[in-house]
Amino acid sequence: MGKLAEEEDPEAKRKREEEELAILEARREAEERRKEKHRKMEEEREKMRQEIRDKYGIKRKEEKEAEKEDKEMTGRIGRKKKTVEDMKKEAEEAEEDTNNLRSQLPDLKVITDKAKQMQTEVTEKCTCM
C-alpha cells in the first residue's frame, strides 16, 4: 500500500496535468482580456487627448521633438552645427575670461606685496632666541 501511495496512478496524474493546463490556459486568457481592456482604455484616452490638441492647436510632444531634432541635426552625424552667433558669443566669453584674469593680476601683485610687507613687519617685531 505504501508503494501505491508514492506512485500516482496514471489516471490521477492525467487529471492533475489536465487541471494544471486548464489553470494555465485560464490565466493566459485573463491576461489577454486585461491587456485588451487596457489597450482600449489607452485608445480612448489618446482620442480625447487628440481632440484637445485639435481644439487648442497643440502639437504632440513627439512631433515637436522630432521637428526640433530634424532642424538641428539635418545632415549631421555628431554634434549640432554652431551658428555664427554661437561662435561670436563663445569668442566674447573667452575674451571676457582673459580680460578678467588680466584685471585680477594687478590685484594679485598688490596682495603678494602686502603679504611680504606684513611678513617683514612681523619678523622685525618678533625676535626668537
Protein backbone atom coordinates (compact mmCIF):
# COMPACT_ATOMS: atom_id res chain seq x y z
CA MET A 1 0.00 0.00 0.00
CA GLY A 2 2.89 2.39 0.79
CA LYS A 3 4.30 1.85 -2.67
CA LEU A 4 0.97 2.72 -4.25
CA ALA A 5 0.68 5.96 -2.26
CA GLU A 6 4.08 7.10 -3.52
CA GLU A 7 3.33 6.29 -7.12
CA GLU A 8 0.28 8.02 -8.53
CA ASP A 9 -1.99 6.01 -10.67
CA PRO A 10 -1.91 7.15 -14.31
CA GLU A 11 -5.50 8.42 -14.23
CA ALA A 12 -4.89 10.73 -11.24
CA LYS A 13 -1.68 12.00 -12.82
CA ARG A 14 -3.50 12.69 -16.10
CA LYS A 15 -6.29 14.57 -14.26
CA ARG A 16 -3.78 16.68 -12.34
CA GLU A 17 -1.94 17.59 -15.56
CA GLU A 18 -5.24 18.49 -17.26
CA GLU A 19 -6.17 20.72 -14.30
CA GLU A 20 -2.78 22.44 -14.43
CA LEU A 21 -3.17 23.03 -18.17
CA ALA A 22 -6.68 24.37 -17.64
CA ILE A 23 -5.41 26.75 -14.94
CA LEU A 24 -2.58 27.96 -17.17
CA GLU A 25 -5.00 28.48 -20.06
CA ALA A 26 -7.40 30.42 -17.82
CA ARG A 27 -4.55 32.65 -16.61
CA ARG A 28 -3.40 33.28 -20.18
CA GLU A 29 -6.93 34.20 -21.26
CA ALA A 30 -7.37 36.50 -18.26
CA GLU A 31 -4.09 38.22 -19.08
CA GLU A 32 -5.16 38.67 -22.71
CA ARG A 33 -8.50 40.18 -21.60
CA ARG A 34 -6.69 42.52 -19.21
CA LYS A 35 -4.28 43.66 -21.93
CA GLU A 36 -7.13 44.22 -24.38
CA LYS A 37 -9.05 46.23 -21.78
CA HIS A 38 -6.03 48.45 -21.12
CA ARG A 39 -5.37 48.86 -24.85
CA LYS A 40 -8.95 50.04 -25.39
CA MET A 41 -8.73 52.45 -22.45
CA GLU A 42 -5.48 53.90 -23.81
CA GLU A 43 -7.06 54.31 -27.26
CA GLU A 44 -9.94 56.24 -25.70
CA ARG A 45 -7.53 58.44 -23.74
CA GLU A 46 -5.45 59.13 -26.83
CA LYS A 47 -8.61 60.01 -28.76
CA MET A 48 -9.55 62.52 -26.03
CA ARG A 49 -6.01 63.94 -26.00
CA GLN A 50 -6.09 64.36 -29.77
CA GLU A 51 -9.45 66.16 -29.58
CA ILE A 52 -7.96 68.57 -27.04
CA ARG A 53 -4.86 69.09 -29.20
CA ASP A 54 -7.05 69.77 -32.24
CA LYS A 55 -9.27 72.13 -30.28
CA TYR A 56 -6.41 74.25 -28.96
CA GLY A 57 -3.97 73.77 -31.84
CA ILE A 58 -1.34 71.97 -29.76
CA LYS A 59 1.20 69.65 -31.35
CA ARG A 60 2.12 66.35 -29.79
CA LYS A 61 5.36 66.27 -27.83
CA GLU A 62 6.77 63.61 -30.10
CA GLU A 63 6.03 65.73 -33.18
CA LYS A 64 7.63 68.81 -31.63
CA GLU A 65 10.73 66.90 -30.59
CA ALA A 66 11.03 65.23 -33.99
CA GLU A 67 10.75 68.57 -35.81
CA LYS A 68 13.27 70.16 -33.47
CA GLU A 69 15.75 67.31 -33.92
CA ASP A 70 15.30 67.39 -37.69
CA LYS A 71 16.07 71.09 -37.80
CA GLU A 72 19.10 70.74 -35.56
CA MET A 73 20.55 67.56 -36.97
CA THR A 74 20.00 67.92 -40.72
CA GLY A 75 22.94 66.21 -42.36
CA ARG A 76 24.81 65.90 -39.07
CA ILE A 77 26.43 62.83 -37.65
CA GLY A 78 27.72 64.28 -34.40
CA ARG A 79 27.02 67.49 -32.56
CA LYS A 80 24.81 70.32 -33.77
CA LYS A 81 26.20 72.91 -36.14
CA LYS A 82 27.36 76.12 -34.49
CA THR A 83 25.84 79.27 -35.84
CA VAL A 84 27.76 82.50 -36.39
CA GLU A 85 26.05 83.95 -33.32
CA ASP A 86 27.15 80.98 -31.21
CA MET A 87 30.75 81.34 -32.34
CA LYS A 88 30.72 85.10 -31.67
CA LYS A 89 29.25 84.52 -28.24
CA GLU A 90 31.93 81.94 -27.40
CA ALA A 91 34.67 84.27 -28.61
CA GLU A 92 33.30 87.12 -26.48
CA GLU A 93 33.10 84.87 -23.42
CA ALA A 94 36.69 83.71 -23.94
CA GLU A 95 37.85 87.31 -24.32
CA GLU A 96 35.98 88.33 -21.16
CA ASP A 97 37.61 85.47 -19.27
CA THR A 98 41.08 86.56 -20.34
CA ASN A 99 40.28 90.19 -19.51
CA ASN A 100 39.04 89.14 -16.09
CA LEU A 101 42.27 87.27 -15.46
CA ARG A 102 44.36 90.22 -16.64
CA SER A 103 42.40 92.60 -14.45
CA GLN A 104 42.95 90.32 -11.48
CA LEU A 105 46.71 90.11 -11.98
CA PRO A 106 47.47 93.60 -10.58
CA ASP A 107 45.30 92.73 -7.61
CA LEU A 108 47.34 89.58 -7.08
CA LYS A 109 50.55 91.60 -7.17
CA VAL A 110 49.18 94.03 -4.60
CA ILE A 111 48.12 91.14 -2.40
CA THR A 112 51.50 89.40 -2.58
CA ASP A 113 53.31 92.69 -1.88
CA LYS A 114 51.07 93.28 1.14
CA ALA A 115 51.74 89.75 2.39
CA LYS A 116 55.53 90.24 2.07
CA GLN A 117 55.31 93.59 3.87
CA MET A 118 53.35 92.03 6.73
CA GLN A 119 55.85 89.19 6.95
CA THR A 120 58.76 91.59 7.27
CA GLU A 121 56.92 93.62 9.91
CA VAL A 122 56.21 90.51 11.94
CA THR A 123 59.78 89.29 11.74
CA GLU A 124 61.09 92.70 12.80
CA LYS A 125 58.77 92.89 15.82
CA CYS A 126 59.21 89.31 16.94
CA THR A 127 62.64 88.02 17.72
CA CYS A 128 63.07 84.49 18.81
CA MET A 129 66.05 83.38 20.83
